[in-house]
Amino acid sequence: MAIGLEVRNNWYEIGSSDFLYSFFSTIAAVLEKEAWGKRFPVIMTRLYNGCIEKTEMPEAKRELLTIQKELKLHSPKEIVWNYEDRTLSPPWGDNISDSITDLSNYFYTSDGEDMFVVFFKAIDDAIETGSSLEISPL
């Protein structure tokens, strides 16, 4: 089942729920040093639990910019597929494109778009329309 971000009636496709969970898992393990939501409460707590309210969008954007910047400093080998079960790895293993040089450009949606670009589009849409942003199944 495809999962994505929804702002009003606009849909931003991400891909599988496992892939989105890997994104959150990697942030928690690599950037938050195992303290899920401590550094990035809007993204890692509110969005992970399904929704960011319209008043939280500026902070969500700031957190996402910091996450992107800091993931750039980490190797793709540091990917965390599943926070609870670190023995699991992505279905493609280490077979990734040469263009993936760090964790900031590791995550691409099922449509082939950089996941950060999709997140920023959805947040900007929510800011512009004064709406909340929700994780939603297709």
N, C-alpha and C. Protein backbone atom coordinates (compact mmCIF):
# COMPACT_ATOMS: atom_id res chain seq x y z
N MET A 1 0.84 -1.17 0.00
CA MET A 1 0.00 0.00 0.00
C MET A 1 0.89 1.24 0.00
N ALA A 2 0.55 2.16 -0.87
CA ALA A 2 1.29 3.42 -0.95
C ALA A 2 0.88 4.34 0.19
N ILE A 3 1.84 5.09 0.65
CA ILE A 3 1.60 6.05 1.71
C ILE A 3 2.16 7.39 1.25
N GLY A 4 1.57 8.45 1.74
CA GLY A 4 2.04 9.76 1.33
C GLY A 4 1.67 10.84 2.32
N LEU A 5 1.86 12.06 1.89
CA LEU A 5 1.52 13.22 2.69
C LEU A 5 0.32 13.89 2.05
N GLU A 6 -0.61 14.30 2.90
CA GLU A 6 -1.82 14.94 2.40
C GLU A 6 -1.97 16.33 3.01
N VAL A 7 -2.19 17.29 2.14
CA VAL A 7 -2.46 18.67 2.54
C VAL A 7 -3.74 19.07 1.83
N ARG A 8 -4.80 19.27 2.62
CA ARG A 8 -6.14 19.46 2.04
C ARG A 8 -6.42 18.32 1.11
N ASN A 9 -6.62 18.58 -0.16
CA ASN A 9 -6.86 17.50 -1.12
C ASN A 9 -5.66 17.22 -2.00
N ASN A 10 -4.51 17.76 -1.63
CA ASN A 10 -3.29 17.51 -2.39
C ASN A 10 -2.55 16.32 -1.80
N TRP A 11 -2.08 15.44 -2.68
CA TRP A 11 -1.43 14.21 -2.28
C TRP A 11 0.01 14.22 -2.76
N TYR A 12 0.93 13.89 -1.85
CA TYR A 12 2.35 13.82 -2.16
C TYR A 12 2.81 12.40 -1.85
N GLU A 13 3.01 11.61 -2.89
CA GLU A 13 3.33 10.20 -2.70
C GLU A 13 4.75 10.00 -2.17
N ILE A 14 4.86 9.10 -1.20
CA ILE A 14 6.15 8.72 -0.64
C ILE A 14 6.53 7.33 -1.16
N GLY A 15 5.70 6.35 -0.88
CA GLY A 15 5.99 4.96 -1.26
C GLY A 15 5.45 4.02 -0.21
N SER A 16 6.22 3.00 0.12
CA SER A 16 5.75 2.02 1.10
C SER A 16 5.92 2.56 2.52
N SER A 17 5.12 2.03 3.42
CA SER A 17 5.22 2.43 4.82
C SER A 17 6.57 2.01 5.40
N ASP A 18 7.12 0.87 4.96
CA ASP A 18 8.44 0.43 5.42
C ASP A 18 9.52 1.45 5.06
N PHE A 19 9.42 2.00 3.86
CA PHE A 19 10.40 2.97 3.41
C PHE A 19 10.31 4.25 4.23
N LEU A 20 9.11 4.73 4.49
CA LEU A 20 8.94 5.92 5.32
C LEU A 20 9.43 5.65 6.74
N TYR A 21 9.17 4.46 7.24
CA TYR A 21 9.64 4.11 8.58
C TYR A 21 11.17 4.09 8.62
N SER A 22 11.81 3.67 7.54
CA SER A 22 13.27 3.70 7.47
C SER A 22 13.79 5.13 7.59
N PHE A 23 13.10 6.05 6.96
CA PHE A 23 13.48 7.47 7.04
C PHE A 23 13.47 7.92 8.50
N PHE A 24 12.38 7.66 9.21
CA PHE A 24 12.28 8.04 10.62
C PHE A 24 13.30 7.26 11.46
N SER A 25 13.46 5.98 11.19
CA SER A 25 14.40 5.14 11.94
C SER A 25 15.82 5.66 11.82
N THR A 26 16.20 6.03 10.61
CA THR A 26 17.55 6.55 10.37
C THR A 26 17.78 7.84 11.13
N ILE A 27 16.81 8.73 11.10
CA ILE A 27 16.94 10.00 11.84
C ILE A 27 17.10 9.73 13.33
N ALA A 28 16.25 8.87 13.88
CA ALA A 28 16.31 8.57 15.31
C ALA A 28 17.64 7.95 15.71
N ALA A 29 18.10 6.98 14.95
CA ALA A 29 19.32 6.26 15.30
C ALA A 29 20.58 7.08 15.04
N VAL A 30 20.62 7.77 13.92
CA VAL A 30 21.85 8.45 13.51
C VAL A 30 21.95 9.87 14.07
N LEU A 31 20.87 10.63 14.01
CA LEU A 31 20.94 12.04 14.40
C LEU A 31 20.46 12.32 15.83
N GLU A 32 19.54 11.49 16.32
CA GLU A 32 19.01 11.74 17.66
C GLU A 32 19.65 10.82 18.70
N LYS A 33 20.60 10.04 18.27
CA LYS A 33 21.35 9.14 19.17
C LYS A 33 20.42 8.31 20.04
N GLU A 34 19.45 7.68 19.38
CA GLU A 34 18.52 6.75 20.01
C GLU A 34 17.45 7.41 20.89
N ALA A 35 17.36 8.71 20.89
CA ALA A 35 16.36 9.42 21.70
C ALA A 35 15.28 9.95 20.76
N TRP A 36 14.42 9.07 20.28
CA TRP A 36 13.40 9.38 19.27
C TRP A 36 12.61 10.62 19.67
N GLY A 37 12.67 11.65 18.83
CA GLY A 37 11.87 12.86 19.03
C GLY A 37 12.49 13.91 19.92
N LYS A 38 13.63 13.63 20.50
CA LYS A 38 14.23 14.59 21.43
C LYS A 38 14.74 15.84 20.71
N ARG A 39 15.45 15.67 19.60
CA ARG A 39 15.98 16.83 18.86
C ARG A 39 14.98 17.40 17.87
N PHE A 40 14.17 16.54 17.30
CA PHE A 40 13.25 16.95 16.23
C PHE A 40 11.82 16.55 16.58
N PRO A 41 11.23 17.20 17.58
CA PRO A 41 9.92 16.76 18.07
C PRO A 41 8.77 16.90 17.06
N VAL A 42 8.80 17.91 16.20
CA VAL A 42 7.69 18.07 15.26
C VAL A 42 7.73 16.98 14.20
N ILE A 43 8.89 16.77 13.60
CA ILE A 43 9.01 15.75 12.56
C ILE A 43 8.91 14.34 13.16
N MET A 44 9.66 14.10 14.22
CA MET A 44 9.80 12.74 14.74
C MET A 44 8.68 12.30 15.69
N THR A 45 7.95 13.24 16.21
CA THR A 45 6.85 12.86 17.09
C THR A 45 5.51 13.16 16.43
N ARG A 46 5.29 14.42 16.10
CA ARG A 46 3.98 14.78 15.56
C ARG A 46 3.74 14.20 14.17
N LEU A 47 4.70 14.41 13.25
CA LEU A 47 4.50 13.86 11.91
C LEU A 47 4.50 12.33 11.96
N TYR A 48 5.43 11.75 12.68
CA TYR A 48 5.47 10.29 12.78
C TYR A 48 4.13 9.74 13.28
N ASN A 49 3.51 10.44 14.21
CA ASN A 49 2.21 10.01 14.73
C ASN A 49 1.05 10.38 13.81
N GLY A 50 1.36 11.01 12.67
CA GLY A 50 0.32 11.19 11.67
C GLY A 50 -0.01 12.59 11.23
N CYS A 51 0.33 13.62 12.02
CA CYS A 51 -0.16 14.94 11.63
C CYS A 51 0.69 16.06 12.23
N ILE A 52 0.95 17.07 11.41
CA ILE A 52 1.54 18.32 11.88
C ILE A 52 0.47 19.38 11.72
N GLU A 53 0.19 20.10 12.78
CA GLU A 53 -0.81 21.17 12.73
C GLU A 53 -0.23 22.39 12.00
N LYS A 54 -1.11 23.21 11.48
CA LYS A 54 -0.68 24.36 10.67
C LYS A 54 0.25 25.30 11.44
N THR A 55 0.05 25.44 12.74
CA THR A 55 0.90 26.33 13.53
C THR A 55 2.32 25.80 13.70
N GLU A 56 2.52 24.52 13.43
CA GLU A 56 3.84 23.89 13.61
C GLU A 56 4.67 23.84 12.32
N MET A 57 4.11 24.31 11.22
CA MET A 57 4.80 24.20 9.92
C MET A 57 6.15 24.91 9.87
N PRO A 58 6.28 26.14 10.39
CA PRO A 58 7.60 26.77 10.33
C PRO A 58 8.66 25.96 11.09
N GLU A 59 8.31 25.42 12.24
CA GLU A 59 9.26 24.60 12.99
C GLU A 59 9.54 23.29 12.26
N ALA A 60 8.53 22.71 11.65
CA ALA A 60 8.73 21.48 10.87
C ALA A 60 9.74 21.72 9.75
N LYS A 61 9.62 22.85 9.10
CA LYS A 61 10.53 23.19 8.00
C LYS A 61 11.95 23.38 8.53
N ARG A 62 12.10 24.06 9.65
CA ARG A 62 13.43 24.26 10.25
C ARG A 62 14.05 22.92 10.63
N GLU A 63 13.26 22.05 11.26
CA GLU A 63 13.77 20.74 11.64
C GLU A 63 14.19 19.94 10.41
N LEU A 64 13.39 19.96 9.39
CA LEU A 64 13.68 19.20 8.18
C LEU A 64 14.95 19.70 7.50
N LEU A 65 15.16 21.01 7.49
CA LEU A 65 16.39 21.57 6.93
C LEU A 65 17.62 21.10 7.71
N THR A 66 17.51 21.07 9.03
CA THR A 66 18.60 20.60 9.88
C THR A 66 18.86 19.11 9.65
N ILE A 67 17.79 18.34 9.57
CA ILE A 67 17.92 16.90 9.31
C ILE A 67 18.64 16.67 7.99
N GLN A 68 18.21 17.36 6.95
CA GLN A 68 18.82 17.20 5.63
C GLN A 68 20.32 17.56 5.68
N LYS A 69 20.63 18.67 6.31
CA LYS A 69 22.02 19.13 6.41
C LYS A 69 22.88 18.10 7.17
N GLU A 70 22.37 17.59 8.27
CA GLU A 70 23.15 16.66 9.08
C GLU A 70 23.26 15.27 8.46
N LEU A 71 22.22 14.83 7.76
CA LEU A 71 22.31 13.52 7.10
C LEU A 71 23.36 13.54 5.98
N LYS A 72 23.64 14.71 5.46
CA LYS A 72 24.66 14.85 4.41
C LYS A 72 26.04 14.41 4.92
N LEU A 73 26.23 14.43 6.21
CA LEU A 73 27.52 14.07 6.82
C LEU A 73 27.66 12.58 7.08
N HIS A 74 26.64 11.80 6.71
CA HIS A 74 26.65 10.36 7.02
C HIS A 74 26.58 9.51 5.76
N SER A 75 27.31 8.43 5.81
CA SER A 75 27.42 7.49 4.69
C SER A 75 26.12 6.70 4.49
N PRO A 76 25.83 6.32 3.24
CA PRO A 76 24.67 5.47 2.99
C PRO A 76 24.74 4.13 3.74
N LYS A 77 25.92 3.72 4.12
CA LYS A 77 26.08 2.47 4.88
C LYS A 77 25.46 2.57 6.28
N GLU A 78 25.17 3.79 6.72
CA GLU A 78 24.58 4.00 8.05
C GLU A 78 23.05 3.93 8.04
N ILE A 79 22.47 3.56 6.91
CA ILE A 79 21.01 3.48 6.81
C ILE A 79 20.46 2.53 7.88
N VAL A 80 19.34 2.90 8.46
CA VAL A 80 18.65 2.04 9.42
C VAL A 80 17.30 1.70 8.80
N TRP A 81 17.10 0.46 8.46
CA TRP A 81 15.85 0.06 7.82
C TRP A 81 14.72 -0.05 8.82
N ASN A 82 15.03 -0.54 10.03
CA ASN A 82 13.99 -0.74 11.03
C ASN A 82 14.58 -0.46 12.40
N TYR A 83 14.06 0.54 13.06
CA TYR A 83 14.57 0.99 14.36
C TYR A 83 14.56 -0.13 15.40
N GLU A 84 13.49 -0.93 15.42
CA GLU A 84 13.36 -1.99 16.41
C GLU A 84 14.19 -3.23 16.09
N ASP A 85 14.40 -3.49 14.81
CA ASP A 85 15.13 -4.69 14.41
C ASP A 85 16.27 -4.29 13.47
N ARG A 86 17.42 -4.04 14.06
CA ARG A 86 18.56 -3.55 13.29
C ARG A 86 19.19 -4.62 12.41
N THR A 87 18.73 -5.87 12.53
CA THR A 87 19.23 -6.92 11.64
C THR A 87 18.62 -6.81 10.26
N LEU A 88 17.50 -6.10 10.14
CA LEU A 88 16.84 -5.94 8.84
C LEU A 88 17.58 -4.91 8.00
N SER A 89 17.59 -5.15 6.70
CA SER A 89 18.22 -4.20 5.78
C SER A 89 17.26 -3.95 4.62
N PRO A 90 17.52 -2.89 3.87
CA PRO A 90 16.65 -2.59 2.73
C PRO A 90 16.60 -3.78 1.77
N PRO A 91 15.47 -3.97 1.09
CA PRO A 91 15.33 -5.10 0.17
C PRO A 91 16.40 -5.11 -0.93
N TRP A 92 16.95 -3.95 -1.26
CA TRP A 92 17.97 -3.86 -2.30
C TRP A 92 19.37 -4.01 -1.75
N GLY A 93 19.48 -4.17 -0.42
CA GLY A 93 20.79 -4.35 0.20
C GLY A 93 21.70 -3.18 -0.04
N ASP A 94 22.93 -3.47 -0.47
CA ASP A 94 23.92 -2.42 -0.75
C ASP A 94 23.91 -2.01 -2.21
N ASN A 95 22.99 -2.55 -2.98
CA ASN A 95 22.92 -2.28 -4.42
C ASN A 95 22.17 -0.97 -4.66
N ILE A 96 22.89 0.14 -4.49
CA ILE A 96 22.29 1.46 -4.67
C ILE A 96 23.02 2.22 -5.78
N SER A 97 22.38 3.23 -6.28
CA SER A 97 22.94 4.06 -7.34
C SER A 97 24.21 4.77 -6.86
N ASP A 98 25.15 4.97 -7.77
CA ASP A 98 26.37 5.72 -7.46
C ASP A 98 26.07 7.17 -7.12
N SER A 99 24.90 7.65 -7.52
CA SER A 99 24.53 9.04 -7.23
C SER A 99 24.13 9.23 -5.76
N ILE A 100 23.91 8.14 -5.05
CA ILE A 100 23.61 8.23 -3.61
C ILE A 100 24.93 8.26 -2.87
N THR A 101 25.29 9.43 -2.40
CA THR A 101 26.60 9.64 -1.80
C THR A 101 26.56 9.80 -0.28
N ASP A 102 25.39 10.06 0.27
CA ASP A 102 25.24 10.24 1.71
C ASP A 102 23.77 10.00 2.06
N LEU A 103 23.44 10.08 3.34
CA LEU A 103 22.06 9.81 3.76
C LEU A 103 21.07 10.91 3.39
N SER A 104 21.55 12.10 3.04
CA SER A 104 20.62 13.16 2.65
C SER A 104 20.04 12.92 1.26
N ASN A 105 20.70 12.12 0.45
CA ASN A 105 20.16 11.83 -0.88
C ASN A 105 19.90 10.33 -1.08
N TYR A 106 19.67 9.65 0.02
CA TYR A 106 19.39 8.21 -0.02
C TYR A 106 17.91 7.94 -0.31
N PHE A 107 17.04 8.79 0.18
CA PHE A 107 15.60 8.53 0.16
C PHE A 107 14.92 9.15 -1.05
N TYR A 108 14.38 8.29 -1.91
CA TYR A 108 13.63 8.71 -3.09
C TYR A 108 12.25 8.07 -3.06
N THR A 109 11.25 8.84 -3.44
CA THR A 109 9.88 8.34 -3.43
C THR A 109 9.69 7.29 -4.52
N SER A 110 8.57 6.64 -4.50
CA SER A 110 8.26 5.64 -5.53
C SER A 110 8.11 6.30 -6.90
N ASP A 111 7.93 7.62 -6.94
CA ASP A 111 7.88 8.38 -8.20
C ASP A 111 9.27 8.83 -8.65
N GLY A 112 10.29 8.51 -7.87
CA GLY A 112 11.66 8.87 -8.23
C GLY A 112 12.07 10.27 -7.84
N GLU A 113 11.33 10.88 -6.92
CA GLU A 113 11.64 12.24 -6.48
C GLU A 113 12.33 12.19 -5.12
N ASP A 114 13.28 13.07 -4.91
CA ASP A 114 13.97 13.17 -3.63
C ASP A 114 12.93 13.39 -2.53
N MET A 115 12.99 12.57 -1.48
CA MET A 115 11.97 12.65 -0.43
C MET A 115 11.99 14.01 0.27
N PHE A 116 13.16 14.61 0.44
CA PHE A 116 13.21 15.93 1.06
C PHE A 116 12.46 16.95 0.21
N VAL A 117 12.61 16.89 -1.10
CA VAL A 117 11.90 17.80 -2.00
C VAL A 117 10.39 17.65 -1.80
N VAL A 118 9.94 16.42 -1.70
CA VAL A 118 8.50 16.15 -1.50
C VAL A 118 8.04 16.70 -0.16
N PHE A 119 8.80 16.45 0.89
CA PHE A 119 8.44 16.97 2.21
C PHE A 119 8.36 18.50 2.19
N PHE A 120 9.34 19.16 1.58
CA PHE A 120 9.33 20.63 1.53
C PHE A 120 8.15 21.15 0.72
N LYS A 121 7.82 20.49 -0.39
CA LYS A 121 6.65 20.90 -1.18
C LYS A 121 5.38 20.81 -0.34
N ALA A 122 5.23 19.71 0.38
CA ALA A 122 4.03 19.51 1.20
C ALA A 122 3.96 20.55 2.32
N ILE A 123 5.09 20.81 2.98
CA ILE A 123 5.11 21.81 4.05
C ILE A 123 4.81 23.20 3.49
N ASP A 124 5.41 23.55 2.37
CA ASP A 124 5.13 24.86 1.76
C ASP A 124 3.66 24.98 1.36
N ASP A 125 3.09 23.90 0.85
CA ASP A 125 1.67 23.89 0.49
C ASP A 125 0.82 24.12 1.75
N ALA A 126 1.18 23.45 2.84
CA ALA A 126 0.43 23.60 4.10
C ALA A 126 0.54 25.03 4.63
N ILE A 127 1.72 25.61 4.53
CA ILE A 127 1.92 27.00 4.98
C ILE A 127 1.06 27.94 4.13
N GLU A 128 1.13 27.75 2.82
CA GLU A 128 0.40 28.62 1.89
C GLU A 128 -1.11 28.54 2.08
N THR A 129 -1.62 27.35 2.37
CA THR A 129 -3.06 27.16 2.49
C THR A 129 -3.56 27.22 3.93
N GLY A 130 -2.63 27.33 4.89
CA GLY A 130 -3.03 27.37 6.29
C GLY A 130 -3.64 26.05 6.74
N SER A 131 -3.04 24.96 6.28
CA SER A 131 -3.60 23.63 6.54
C SER A 131 -2.63 22.78 7.37
N SER A 132 -3.16 21.69 7.85
CA SER A 132 -2.31 20.69 8.52
C SER A 132 -1.74 19.77 7.44
N LEU A 133 -0.77 18.96 7.84
CA LEU A 133 -0.16 17.99 6.95
C LEU A 133 -0.29 16.63 7.62
N GLU A 134 -0.79 15.66 6.89
CA GLU A 134 -1.02 14.33 7.45
C GLU A 134 -0.35 13.25 6.64
N ILE A 135 0.12 12.21 7.34
CA ILE A 135 0.55 10.99 6.68
C ILE A 135 -0.73 10.21 6.40
N SER A 136 -0.86 9.76 5.17
CA SER A 136 -2.11 9.12 4.77
C SER A 136 -1.86 8.00 3.76
N PRO A 137 -2.62 6.90 3.87
CA PRO A 137 -2.52 5.85 2.85
C PRO A 137 -3.24 6.29 1.58
N LEU A 138 -2.79 5.77 0.47
CA LEU A 138 -3.45 6.09 -0.80
C LEU A 138 -4.76 5.37 -0.92
